Amino acid sequence: MPKAYWINTSRSISDEEKLAAYIELAGPALRAAGGTFLARGLPSHAFESGLMERTTLIEFDSVDAAVAAYHSPAYQEALRALGDGAERDLRIIEAAP
C-alpha cells in the first residue's frame, strides 16, 4: 500500500493565538495517528503562481491512515481550537508508485 501525504497550506491567518492553540494540539494528535512531519513553515521560494503560505507536509502509511487522523477525536479538538482563526487548504494525496 503506498504512503500518503497530507499537505496543508494556510491561505490566511486571522488569529495567531487560535493558530498557536491549534498547532499545540494538532502536532501530537497527528503524530499519535502515525504521521511523520516532513516539512513545515513558509516556502523558501514560490514559482508559477505559487503563494508564500505557511505549508505543512506530513507522511502517513496510507491514505486511509491520513483520513483517519483527520477524523480522529484529538485532531477534531485541534480544529475546534483553530475555529475561524485561519483559512486553510488541506489535501491528502497518495504517493507516486
C-alpha atoms as a PDB file:
ATOM      1  CA  MET A   1       0.000   0.000   0.000  1.00  0.00           C
ATOM      2  CA  PRO A   2       1.510   3.372  -0.996  1.00  0.00           C
ATOM      3  CA  LYS A   3       2.299   6.055   1.530  1.00  0.00           C
ATOM      4  CA  ALA A   4       0.182   9.197   1.626  1.00  0.00           C
ATOM      5  CA  TYR A   5       0.999  12.850   2.101  1.00  0.00           C
ATOM      6  CA  TRP A   6      -1.047  15.429   3.989  1.00  0.00           C
ATOM      7  CA  ILE A   7      -0.414  18.861   2.513  1.00  0.00           C
ATOM      8  CA  ASN A   8      -1.840  21.809   4.380  1.00  0.00           C
ATOM      9  CA  THR A   9      -1.471  25.466   3.428  1.00  0.00           C
ATOM     10  CA  SER A  10      -2.757  28.449   5.338  1.00  0.00           C
ATOM     11  CA  ARG A  11      -4.413  30.842   2.880  1.00  0.00           C
ATOM     12  CA  SER A  12      -4.760  33.482   5.565  1.00  0.00           C
ATOM     13  CA  ILE A  13      -4.321  33.698   9.318  1.00  0.00           C
ATOM     14  CA  SER A  14      -6.697  35.999  11.190  1.00  0.00           C
ATOM     15  CA  ASP A  15      -5.933  34.959  14.779  1.00  0.00           C
ATOM     16  CA  GLU A  16      -2.372  33.979  15.762  1.00  0.00           C
ATOM     17  CA  GLU A  17      -3.500  32.829  19.222  1.00  0.00           C
ATOM     18  CA  LYS A  18      -6.024  30.373  17.767  1.00  0.00           C
ATOM     19  CA  LEU A  19      -3.392  29.133  15.319  1.00  0.00           C
ATOM     20  CA  ALA A  20      -0.928  28.595  18.183  1.00  0.00           C
ATOM     21  CA  ALA A  21      -3.560  26.630  20.130  1.00  0.00           C
ATOM     22  CA  TYR A  22      -4.254  24.513  17.032  1.00  0.00           C
ATOM     23  CA  ILE A  23      -0.542  23.799  16.479  1.00  0.00           C
ATOM     24  CA  GLU A  24      -0.085  22.751  20.107  1.00  0.00           C
ATOM     25  CA  LEU A  25      -2.887  20.191  19.790  1.00  0.00           C
ATOM     26  CA  ALA A  26      -2.531  19.142  16.140  1.00  0.00           C
ATOM     27  CA  GLY A  27       1.125  18.096  16.237  1.00  0.00           C
ATOM     28  CA  PRO A  28       0.711  15.478  18.974  1.00  0.00           C
ATOM     29  CA  ALA A  29      -2.634  14.328  17.519  1.00  0.00           C
ATOM     30  CA  LEU A  30      -1.182  13.697  14.078  1.00  0.00           C
ATOM     31  CA  ARG A  31       1.968  12.033  15.416  1.00  0.00           C
ATOM     32  CA  ALA A  32      -0.192   9.748  17.596  1.00  0.00           C
ATOM     33  CA  ALA A  33      -2.142   8.826  14.444  1.00  0.00           C
ATOM     34  CA  GLY A  34       1.076   7.732  12.721  1.00  0.00           C
ATOM     35  CA  GLY A  35       2.012  10.953  10.935  1.00  0.00           C
ATOM     36  CA  THR A  36       5.622  11.989  10.380  1.00  0.00           C
ATOM     37  CA  PHE A  37       6.210  15.710   9.874  1.00  0.00           C
ATOM     38  CA  LEU A  38       8.497  16.175   6.879  1.00  0.00           C
ATOM     39  CA  ALA A  39       8.336  19.956   6.444  1.00  0.00           C
ATOM     40  CA  ARG A  40       6.519  22.979   7.809  1.00  0.00           C
ATOM     41  CA  GLY A  41       6.838  26.723   7.597  1.00  0.00           C
ATOM     42  CA  LEU A  42       6.990  29.316   4.848  1.00  0.00           C
ATOM     43  CA  PRO A  43       8.318  28.263   1.438  1.00  0.00           C
ATOM     44  CA  SER A  44      11.901  29.151   0.645  1.00  0.00           C
ATOM     45  CA  HIS A  45      10.761  30.051  -2.882  1.00  0.00           C
ATOM     46  CA  ALA A  46       7.456  30.023  -4.770  1.00  0.00           C
ATOM     47  CA  PHE A  47       7.182  29.777  -8.564  1.00  0.00           C
ATOM     48  CA  GLU A  48       4.445  29.769 -11.233  1.00  0.00           C
ATOM     49  CA  SER A  49       1.542  31.310  -9.299  1.00  0.00           C
ATOM     50  CA  GLY A  50       2.846  29.754  -6.076  1.00  0.00           C
ATOM     51  CA  LEU A  51       1.999  31.612  -2.901  1.00  0.00           C
ATOM     52  CA  MET A  52       4.204  32.275   0.101  1.00  0.00           C
ATOM     53  CA  GLU A  53       1.827  30.488   2.507  1.00  0.00           C
ATOM     54  CA  ARG A  54       2.613  28.536   5.645  1.00  0.00           C
ATOM     55  CA  THR A  55       2.742  24.911   4.470  1.00  0.00           C
ATOM     56  CA  THR A  56       2.883  21.604   6.336  1.00  0.00           C
ATOM     57  CA  LEU A  57       3.808  18.242   4.783  1.00  0.00           C
ATOM     58  CA  ILE A  58       3.094  15.089   6.790  1.00  0.00           C
ATOM     59  CA  GLU A  59       3.699  11.489   5.699  1.00  0.00           C
ATOM     60  CA  PHE A  60       1.304   8.663   6.614  1.00  0.00           C
ATOM     61  CA  ASP A  61       1.437   4.939   5.878  1.00  0.00           C
ATOM     62  CA  SER A  62      -1.657   5.182   3.665  1.00  0.00           C
ATOM     63  CA  VAL A  63      -4.483   7.436   2.521  1.00  0.00           C
ATOM     64  CA  ASP A  64      -6.778   5.620   4.944  1.00  0.00           C
ATOM     65  CA  ALA A  65      -4.414   6.384   7.844  1.00  0.00           C
ATOM     66  CA  ALA A  66      -4.278  10.077   6.905  1.00  0.00           C
ATOM     67  CA  VAL A  67      -8.057  10.327   6.594  1.00  0.00           C
ATOM     68  CA  ALA A  68      -8.480   8.522   9.927  1.00  0.00           C
ATOM     69  CA  ALA A  69      -6.062  11.007  11.507  1.00  0.00           C
ATOM     70  CA  TYR A  70      -8.184  13.891  10.206  1.00  0.00           C
ATOM     71  CA  HIS A  71     -11.339  12.410  11.711  1.00  0.00           C
ATOM     72  CA  SER A  72      -9.698  11.400  14.999  1.00  0.00           C
ATOM     73  CA  PRO A  73     -11.109  12.970  18.164  1.00  0.00           C
ATOM     74  CA  ALA A  74      -7.729  14.513  19.021  1.00  0.00           C
ATOM     75  CA  TYR A  75      -7.392  16.249  15.650  1.00  0.00           C
ATOM     76  CA  GLN A  76     -11.006  17.392  15.727  1.00  0.00           C
ATOM     77  CA  GLU A  77     -10.220  19.021  19.086  1.00  0.00           C
ATOM     78  CA  ALA A  78      -7.347  20.873  17.390  1.00  0.00           C
ATOM     79  CA  LEU A  79      -9.710  22.071  14.660  1.00  0.00           C
ATOM     80  CA  ARG A  80     -12.154  23.353  17.274  1.00  0.00           C
ATOM     81  CA  ALA A  81      -9.289  25.310  18.887  1.00  0.00           C
ATOM     82  CA  LEU A  82      -8.442  26.835  15.484  1.00  0.00           C
ATOM     83  CA  GLY A  83     -12.056  27.725  14.751  1.00  0.00           C
ATOM     84  CA  ASP A  84     -12.136  30.720  12.425  1.00  0.00           C
ATOM     85  CA  GLY A  85      -8.504  31.656  13.149  1.00  0.00           C
ATOM     86  CA  ALA A  86      -7.240  30.678   9.685  1.00  0.00           C
ATOM     87  CA  GLU A  87      -8.427  29.839   6.196  1.00  0.00           C
ATOM     88  CA  ARG A  88      -6.689  26.648   5.086  1.00  0.00           C
ATOM     89  CA  ASP A  89      -6.383  24.282   2.142  1.00  0.00           C
ATOM     90  CA  LEU A  90      -5.770  20.666   3.179  1.00  0.00           C
ATOM     91  CA  ARG A  91      -5.153  17.841   0.705  1.00  0.00           C
ATOM     92  CA  ILE A  92      -4.257  14.187   1.148  1.00  0.00           C
ATOM     93  CA  ILE A  93      -2.549  12.552  -1.815  1.00  0.00           C
ATOM     94  CA  GLU A  94      -1.244   9.074  -2.457  1.00  0.00           C
ATOM     95  CA  ALA A  95       2.480   8.717  -3.097  1.00  0.00           C
ATOM     96  CA  ALA A  96       3.583   8.056  -6.664  1.00  0.00           C
ATOM     97  CA  PRO A  97       4.438   4.434  -7.416  1.00  0.00           C
END
